[in-house]
């Protein structure tokens, strides 16, 4: 997989995860792409690609967003 395809796939997965996750995410598009890329790698490792891999990648990215949100909120308070 090329670097461009990884970035585009990460952007798509990150955007879908942010749309599905309830609540506001105060982060920019670069963080969205990074979370999407990490979710894509973990999702493809868990589900071994295909449509199932995309779905798992979105779920993993949503979990990462919830974790990030918990860490940022804890740091602010």
PDB file of N, CA and C in Angstrom:
ATOM      1  N   UNK A   1       0.849  -1.175   0.000  1.00  0.00           N
ATOM      2  CA  UNK A   1       0.000   0.000   0.000  1.00  0.00           C
ATOM      3  C   UNK A   1       0.894   1.237   0.000  1.00  0.00           C
ATOM      4  N   UNK A   2       0.571   2.172  -0.836  1.00  0.00           N
ATOM      5  CA  UNK A   2       1.386   3.379  -0.921  1.00  0.00           C
ATOM      6  C   UNK A   2       1.052   4.337   0.221  1.00  0.00           C
ATOM      7  N   UNK A   3       1.917   5.288   0.397  1.00  0.00           N
ATOM      8  CA  UNK A   3       1.730   6.261   1.475  1.00  0.00           C
ATOM      9  C   UNK A   3       0.490   7.117   1.219  1.00  0.00           C
ATOM     10  N   UNK A   4       0.282   7.507  -0.027  1.00  0.00           N
ATOM     11  CA  UNK A   4      -0.897   8.331  -0.362  1.00  0.00           C
ATOM     12  C   UNK A   4      -2.179   7.564  -0.077  1.00  0.00           C
ATOM     13  N   UNK A   5      -2.222   6.289  -0.457  1.00  0.00           N
ATOM     14  CA  UNK A   5      -3.415   5.479  -0.211  1.00  0.00           C
ATOM     15  C   UNK A   5      -3.653   5.312   1.285  1.00  0.00           C
ATOM     16  N   UNK A   6      -2.582   5.191   2.057  1.00  0.00           N
ATOM     17  CA  UNK A   6      -2.719   5.084   3.506  1.00  0.00           C
ATOM     18  C   UNK A   6      -3.290   6.364   4.099  1.00  0.00           C
ATOM     19  N   UNK A   7      -2.824   7.510   3.639  1.00  0.00           N
ATOM     20  CA  UNK A   7      -3.321   8.790   4.142  1.00  0.00           C
ATOM     21  C   UNK A   7      -4.789   8.983   3.762  1.00  0.00           C
ATOM     22  N   UNK A   8      -5.127   8.676   2.513  1.00  0.00           N
ATOM     23  CA  UNK A   8      -6.518   8.829   2.071  1.00  0.00           C
ATOM     24  C   UNK A   8      -7.436   7.872   2.834  1.00  0.00           C
ATOM     25  N   UNK A   9      -7.007   6.620   2.978  1.00  0.00           N
ATOM     26  CA  UNK A   9      -7.799   5.647   3.744  1.00  0.00           C
ATOM     27  C   UNK A   9      -7.950   6.066   5.195  1.00  0.00           C
ATOM     28  N   UNK A  10      -6.872   6.582   5.798  1.00  0.00           N
ATOM     29  CA  UNK A  10      -6.940   7.072   7.171  1.00  0.00           C
ATOM     30  C   UNK A  10      -7.869   8.248   7.321  1.00  0.00           C
ATOM     31  N   UNK A  11      -7.863   9.134   6.314  1.00  0.00           N
ATOM     32  CA  UNK A  11      -8.768  10.288   6.350  1.00  0.00           C
ATOM     33  C   UNK A  11     -10.224   9.844   6.265  1.00  0.00           C
ATOM     34  N   UNK A  12     -10.494   8.881   5.400  1.00  0.00           N
ATOM     35  CA  UNK A  12     -11.870   8.380   5.267  1.00  0.00           C
ATOM     36  C   UNK A  12     -12.318   7.683   6.545  1.00  0.00           C
ATOM     37  N   UNK A  13     -11.485   6.811   7.066  1.00  0.00           N
ATOM     38  CA  UNK A  13     -11.838   6.083   8.293  1.00  0.00           C
ATOM     39  C   UNK A  13     -11.983   7.046   9.459  1.00  0.00           C
ATOM     40  N   UNK A  14     -11.075   8.008   9.588  1.00  0.00           N
ATOM     41  CA  UNK A  14     -11.166   8.989  10.664  1.00  0.00           C
ATOM     42  C   UNK A  14     -12.416   9.849  10.560  1.00  0.00           C
ATOM     43  N   UNK A  15     -12.749  10.260   9.338  1.00  0.00           N
ATOM     44  CA  UNK A  15     -13.952  11.086   9.147  1.00  0.00           C
ATOM     45  C   UNK A  15     -15.222  10.299   9.473  1.00  0.00           C
ATOM     46  N   UNK A  16     -15.278   9.054   9.040  1.00  0.00           N
ATOM     47  CA  UNK A  16     -16.454   8.226   9.344  1.00  0.00           C
ATOM     48  C   UNK A  16     -16.563   8.008  10.845  1.00  0.00           C
ATOM     49  N   UNK A  17     -15.434   7.736  11.496  1.00  0.00           N
ATOM     50  CA  UNK A  17     -15.457   7.507  12.945  1.00  0.00           C
ATOM     51  C   UNK A  17     -15.910   8.757  13.688  1.00  0.00           C
ATOM     52  N   UNK A  18     -15.460   9.941  13.253  1.00  0.00           N
ATOM     53  CA  UNK A  18     -15.884  11.181  13.918  1.00  0.00           C
ATOM     54  C   UNK A  18     -17.352  11.479  13.684  1.00  0.00           C
ATOM     55  N   UNK A  19     -17.895  11.063  12.533  1.00  0.00           N
ATOM     56  CA  UNK A  19     -19.326  11.266  12.279  1.00  0.00           C
ATOM     57  C   UNK A  19     -20.178  10.329  13.123  1.00  0.00           C
ATOM     58  N   UNK A  20     -19.683   9.119  13.360  1.00  0.00           N
ATOM     59  CA  UNK A  20     -20.450   8.118  14.111  1.00  0.00           C
ATOM     60  C   UNK A  20     -20.372   8.379  15.612  1.00  0.00           C
ATOM     61  N   UNK A  21     -19.197   8.813  16.089  1.00  0.00           N
ATOM     62  CA  UNK A  21     -19.003   9.037  17.528  1.00  0.00           C
ATOM     63  C   UNK A  21     -19.821  10.239  17.982  1.00  0.00           C
ATOM     64  N   UNK A  22     -20.608  10.066  19.040  1.00  0.00           N
ATOM     65  CA  UNK A  22     -21.383  11.207  19.545  1.00  0.00           C
ATOM     66  C   UNK A  22     -20.487  12.216  20.260  1.00  0.00           C
ATOM     67  N   UNK A  23     -20.917  13.459  20.258  1.00  0.00           N
ATOM     68  CA  UNK A  23     -20.184  14.511  20.948  1.00  0.00           C
ATOM     69  C   UNK A  23     -19.232  15.243  20.036  1.00  0.00           C
ATOM     70  N   UNK A  24     -18.762  16.363  20.512  1.00  0.00           N
ATOM     71  CA  UNK A  24     -17.844  17.199  19.738  1.00  0.00           C
ATOM     72  C   UNK A  24     -16.408  16.745  19.964  1.00  0.00           C
ATOM     73  N   UNK A  25     -15.639  16.732  18.899  1.00  0.00           N
ATOM     74  CA  UNK A  25     -14.217  16.413  18.978  1.00  0.00           C
ATOM     75  C   UNK A  25     -13.417  17.653  18.613  1.00  0.00           C
ATOM     76  N   UNK A  26     -12.776  18.281  19.598  1.00  0.00           N
ATOM     77  CA  UNK A  26     -12.036  19.507  19.309  1.00  0.00           C
ATOM     78  C   UNK A  26     -10.640  19.220  18.768  1.00  0.00           C
ATOM     79  N   UNK A  27     -10.568  18.569  17.620  1.00  0.00           N
ATOM     80  CA  UNK A  27      -9.270  18.276  17.014  1.00  0.00           C
ATOM     81  C   UNK A  27      -9.328  18.630  15.535  1.00  0.00           C
ATOM     82  N   UNK A  28      -8.188  18.811  14.946  1.00  0.00           N
ATOM     83  CA  UNK A  28      -8.114  19.181  13.545  1.00  0.00           C
ATOM     84  C   UNK A  28      -8.109  17.977  12.618  1.00  0.00           C
ATOM     85  N   UNK A  29      -7.979  18.270  11.339  1.00  0.00           N
ATOM     86  CA  UNK A  29      -8.030  17.203  10.351  1.00  0.00           C
ATOM     87  C   UNK A  29      -6.770  16.353  10.361  1.00  0.00           C
ATOM     88  N   UNK A  30      -5.633  16.893  10.799  1.00  0.00           N
ATOM     89  CA  UNK A  30      -4.405  16.090  10.858  1.00  0.00           C
ATOM     90  C   UNK A  30      -4.533  15.007  11.920  1.00  0.00           C
ATOM     91  N   UNK A  31      -5.063  15.362  13.088  1.00  0.00           N
ATOM     92  CA  UNK A  31      -5.290  14.359  14.136  1.00  0.00           C
ATOM     93  C   UNK A  31      -6.323  13.322  13.686  1.00  0.00           C
ATOM     94  N   UNK A  32      -7.334  13.757  12.943  1.00  0.00           N
ATOM     95  CA  UNK A  32      -8.334  12.835  12.420  1.00  0.00           C
ATOM     96  C   UNK A  32      -7.676  11.817  11.497  1.00  0.00           C
ATOM     97  N   UNK A  33      -6.793  12.282  10.617  1.00  0.00           N
ATOM     98  CA  UNK A  33      -6.096  11.373   9.705  1.00  0.00           C
ATOM     99  C   UNK A  33      -5.187  10.430  10.482  1.00  0.00           C
ATOM    100  N   UNK A  34      -4.463  10.948  11.474  1.00  0.00           N
ATOM    101  CA  UNK A  34      -3.567  10.090  12.259  1.00  0.00           C
ATOM    102  C   UNK A  34      -4.337   9.005  13.006  1.00  0.00           C
ATOM    103  N   UNK A  35      -5.454   9.374  13.643  1.00  0.00           N
ATOM    104  CA  UNK A  35      -6.269   8.365  14.310  1.00  0.00           C
ATOM    105  C   UNK A  35      -6.836   7.368  13.309  1.00  0.00           C
ATOM    106  N   UNK A  36      -7.219   7.841  12.138  1.00  0.00           N
ATOM    107  CA  UNK A  36      -7.726   6.951  11.097  1.00  0.00           C
ATOM    108  C   UNK A  36      -6.672   5.977  10.606  1.00  0.00           C
ATOM    109  N   UNK A  37      -5.431   6.449  10.444  1.00  0.00           N
ATOM    110  CA  UNK A  37      -4.338   5.575  10.007  1.00  0.00           C
ATOM    111  C   UNK A  37      -4.047   4.508  11.055  1.00  0.00           C
ATOM    112  N   UNK A  38      -3.982   4.917  12.313  1.00  0.00           N
ATOM    113  CA  UNK A  38      -3.745   3.943  13.389  1.00  0.00           C
ATOM    114  C   UNK A  38      -4.894   2.930  13.444  1.00  0.00           C
ATOM    115  N   UNK A  39      -6.118   3.416  13.336  1.00  0.00           N
ATOM    116  CA  UNK A  39      -7.272   2.525  13.326  1.00  0.00           C
ATOM    117  C   UNK A  39      -7.255   1.581  12.140  1.00  0.00           C
ATOM    118  N   UNK A  40      -6.816   2.075  10.973  1.00  0.00           N
ATOM    119  CA  UNK A  40      -6.739   1.230   9.778  1.00  0.00           C
ATOM    120  C   UNK A  40      -5.703   0.122   9.948  1.00  0.00           C
ATOM    121  N   UNK A  41      -4.536   0.468  10.508  1.00  0.00           N
ATOM    122  CA  UNK A  41      -3.523  -0.559  10.727  1.00  0.00           C
ATOM    123  C   UNK A  41      -3.996  -1.611  11.727  1.00  0.00           C
ATOM    124  N   UNK A  42      -4.577  -1.161  12.837  1.00  0.00           N
ATOM    125  CA  UNK A  42      -5.062  -2.115  13.833  1.00  0.00           C
ATOM    126  C   UNK A  42      -6.241  -2.925  13.305  1.00  0.00           C
ATOM    127  N   UNK A  43      -7.142  -2.276  12.568  1.00  0.00           N
ATOM    128  CA  UNK A  43      -8.284  -2.975  12.006  1.00  0.00           C
ATOM    129  C   UNK A  43      -7.877  -4.017  10.987  1.00  0.00           C
ATOM    130  N   UNK A  44      -6.895  -3.691  10.132  1.00  0.00           N
ATOM    131  CA  UNK A  44      -6.447  -4.671   9.145  1.00  0.00           C
ATOM    132  C   UNK A  44      -5.677  -5.807   9.809  1.00  0.00           C
ATOM    133  N   UNK A  45      -5.009  -5.518  10.919  1.00  0.00           N
ATOM    134  CA  UNK A  45      -4.315  -6.574  11.657  1.00  0.00           C
ATOM    135  C   UNK A  45      -5.320  -7.528  12.310  1.00  0.00           C
ATOM    136  N   UNK A  46      -6.389  -6.969  12.862  1.00  0.00           N
ATOM    137  CA  UNK A  46      -7.398  -7.790  13.539  1.00  0.00           C
ATOM    138  C   UNK A  46      -8.253  -8.566  12.547  1.00  0.00           C
ATOM    139  N   UNK A  47      -8.724  -7.895  11.481  1.00  0.00           N
ATOM    140  CA  UNK A  47      -9.724  -8.498  10.588  1.00  0.00           C
ATOM    141  C   UNK A  47      -9.157  -8.976   9.262  1.00  0.00           C
ATOM    142  N   UNK A  48      -7.910  -8.725   8.966  1.00  0.00           N
ATOM    143  CA  UNK A  48      -7.257  -9.197   7.746  1.00  0.00           C
ATOM    144  C   UNK A  48      -7.878  -8.654   6.466  1.00  0.00           C
ATOM    145  N   UNK A  49      -8.300  -7.406   6.435  1.00  0.00           N
ATOM    146  CA  UNK A  49      -8.725  -6.727   5.218  1.00  0.00           C
ATOM    147  C   UNK A  49     -10.166  -6.935   4.815  1.00  0.00           C
ATOM    148  N   UNK A  50     -10.505  -6.411   3.647  1.00  0.00           N
ATOM    149  CA  UNK A  50     -11.860  -6.509   3.127  1.00  0.00           C
ATOM    150  C   UNK A  50     -12.819  -5.556   3.830  1.00  0.00           C
ATOM    151  N   UNK A  51     -14.100  -5.760   3.591  1.00  0.00           N
ATOM    152  CA  UNK A  51     -15.127  -4.916   4.214  1.00  0.00           C
ATOM    153  C   UNK A  51     -15.096  -5.058   5.724  1.00  0.00           C
ATOM    154  N   UNK A  52     -14.890  -6.256   6.205  1.00  0.00           N
ATOM    155  CA  UNK A  52     -14.801  -6.490   7.651  1.00  0.00           C
ATOM    156  C   UNK A  52     -13.649  -5.679   8.244  1.00  0.00           C
ATOM    157  N   UNK A  53     -12.532  -5.582   7.541  1.00  0.00           N
ATOM    158  CA  UNK A  53     -11.389  -4.795   8.003  1.00  0.00           C
ATOM    159  C   UNK A  53     -11.716  -3.315   8.119  1.00  0.00           C
ATOM    160  N   UNK A  54     -12.490  -2.780   7.148  1.00  0.00           N
ATOM    161  CA  UNK A  54     -12.908  -1.375   7.212  1.00  0.00           C
ATOM    162  C   UNK A  54     -13.817  -1.140   8.407  1.00  0.00           C
ATOM    163  N   UNK A  55     -14.755  -2.041   8.640  1.00  0.00           N
ATOM    164  CA  UNK A  55     -15.673  -1.880   9.778  1.00  0.00           C
ATOM    165  C   UNK A  55     -14.929  -1.950  11.105  1.00  0.00           C
ATOM    166  N   UNK A  56     -14.009  -2.894  11.225  1.00  0.00           N
ATOM    167  CA  UNK A  56     -13.226  -3.004  12.457  1.00  0.00           C
ATOM    168  C   UNK A  56     -12.335  -1.780  12.619  1.00  0.00           C
ATOM    169  N   UNK A  57     -11.779  -1.270  11.517  1.00  0.00           N
ATOM    170  CA  UNK A  57     -10.937  -0.069  11.587  1.00  0.00           C
ATOM    171  C   UNK A  57     -11.731   1.131  12.093  1.00  0.00           C
ATOM    172  N   UNK A  58     -12.969   1.275  11.648  1.00  0.00           N
ATOM    173  CA  UNK A  58     -13.806   2.378  12.124  1.00  0.00           C
ATOM    174  C   UNK A  58     -14.106   2.210  13.606  1.00  0.00           C
ATOM    175  N   UNK A  59     -14.410   0.990  14.040  1.00  0.00           N
ATOM    176  CA  UNK A  59     -14.703   0.740  15.459  1.00  0.00           C
ATOM    177  C   UNK A  59     -13.461   1.007  16.309  1.00  0.00           C
ATOM    178  N   UNK A  60     -12.299   0.568  15.847  1.00  0.00           N
ATOM    179  CA  UNK A  60     -11.058   0.819  16.583  1.00  0.00           C
ATOM    180  C   UNK A  60     -10.770   2.317  16.650  1.00  0.00           C
ATOM    181  N   UNK A  61     -11.008   3.032  15.563  1.00  0.00           N
ATOM    182  CA  UNK A  61     -10.785   4.475  15.556  1.00  0.00           C
ATOM    183  C   UNK A  61     -11.743   5.188  16.506  1.00  0.00           C
ATOM    184  N   UNK A  62     -12.989   4.736  16.565  1.00  0.00           N
ATOM    185  CA  UNK A  62     -13.941   5.312  17.526  1.00  0.00           C
ATOM    186  C   UNK A  62     -13.452   5.086  18.948  1.00  0.00           C
ATOM    187  N   UNK A  63     -12.944   3.887  19.234  1.00  0.00           N
ATOM    188  CA  UNK A  63     -12.400   3.612  20.569  1.00  0.00           C
ATOM    189  C   UNK A  63     -11.208   4.519  20.865  1.00  0.00           C
ATOM    190  N   UNK A  64     -10.350   4.739  19.874  1.00  0.00           N
ATOM    191  CA  UNK A  64      -9.222   5.650  20.062  1.00  0.00           C
ATOM    192  C   UNK A  64      -9.687   7.076  20.321  1.00  0.00           C
ATOM    193  N   UNK A  65     -10.739   7.504  19.616  1.00  0.00           N
ATOM    194  CA  UNK A  65     -11.282   8.846  19.835  1.00  0.00           C
ATOM    195  C   UNK A  65     -11.851   8.997  21.241  1.00  0.00           C
ATOM    196  N   UNK A  66     -12.540   7.966  21.734  1.00  0.00           N
ATOM    197  CA  UNK A  66     -13.050   8.016  23.101  1.00  0.00           C
ATOM    198  C   UNK A  66     -11.896   8.084  24.104  1.00  0.00           C
ATOM    199  N   UNK A  67     -10.834   7.319  23.865  1.00  0.00           N
ATOM    200  CA  UNK A  67      -9.666   7.356  24.741  1.00  0.00           C
ATOM    201  C   UNK A  67      -8.981   8.707  24.726  1.00  0.00           C
ATOM    202  N   UNK A  68      -8.825   9.283  23.539  1.00  0.00           N
ATOM    203  CA  UNK A  68      -8.229  10.605  23.410  1.00  0.00           C
ATOM    204  C   UNK A  68      -9.076  11.653  24.117  1.00  0.00           C
ATOM    205  N   UNK A  69     -10.379  11.552  23.945  1.00  0.00           N
ATOM    206  CA  UNK A  69     -11.305  12.491  24.580  1.00  0.00           C
ATOM    207  C   UNK A  69     -11.193  12.398  26.104  1.00  0.00           C
ATOM    208  N   UNK A  70     -11.088  11.190  26.634  1.00  0.00           N
ATOM    209  CA  UNK A  70     -10.973  11.009  28.082  1.00  0.00           C
ATOM    210  C   UNK A  70      -9.665  11.603  28.610  1.00  0.00           C
ATOM    211  N   UNK A  71      -8.581  11.424  27.870  1.00  0.00           N
ATOM    212  CA  UNK A  71      -7.290  11.957  28.310  1.00  0.00           C
ATOM    213  C   UNK A  71      -7.287  13.483  28.251  1.00  0.00           C
ATOM    214  N   UNK A  72      -7.824  14.052  27.186  1.00  0.00           N
ATOM    215  CA  UNK A  72      -7.833  15.513  27.046  1.00  0.00           C
ATOM    216  C   UNK A  72      -8.736  16.149  28.078  1.00  0.00           C
ATOM    217  N   UNK A  73      -9.909  15.578  28.321  1.00  0.00           N
ATOM    218  CA  UNK A  73     -10.824  16.140  29.327  1.00  0.00           C
ATOM    219  C   UNK A  73     -10.226  16.043  30.723  1.00  0.00           C
ATOM    220  N   UNK A  74      -9.518  14.959  31.021  1.00  0.00           N
ATOM    221  CA  UNK A  74      -8.899  14.797  32.325  1.00  0.00           C
ATOM    222  C   UNK A  74      -7.797  15.835  32.516  1.00  0.00           C
ATOM    223  N   UNK A  75      -7.052  16.121  31.452  1.00  0.00           N
ATOM    224  CA  UNK A  75      -5.979  17.093  31.526  1.00  0.00           C
ATOM    225  C   UNK A  75      -6.515  18.513  31.694  1.00  0.00           C
ATOM    226  N   UNK A  76      -7.657  18.800  31.093  1.00  0.00           N
ATOM    227  CA  UNK A  76      -8.239  20.158  31.175  1.00  0.00           C
ATOM    228  C   UNK A  76      -8.808  20.415  32.574  1.00  0.00           C
ATOM    229  N   UNK A  77      -9.426  19.441  33.169  1.00  0.00           N
ATOM    230  CA  UNK A  77     -10.039  19.638  34.497  1.00  0.00           C
ATOM    231  C   UNK A  77      -9.062  19.656  35.582  1.00  0.00           C
TER     232      UNK A  77
END
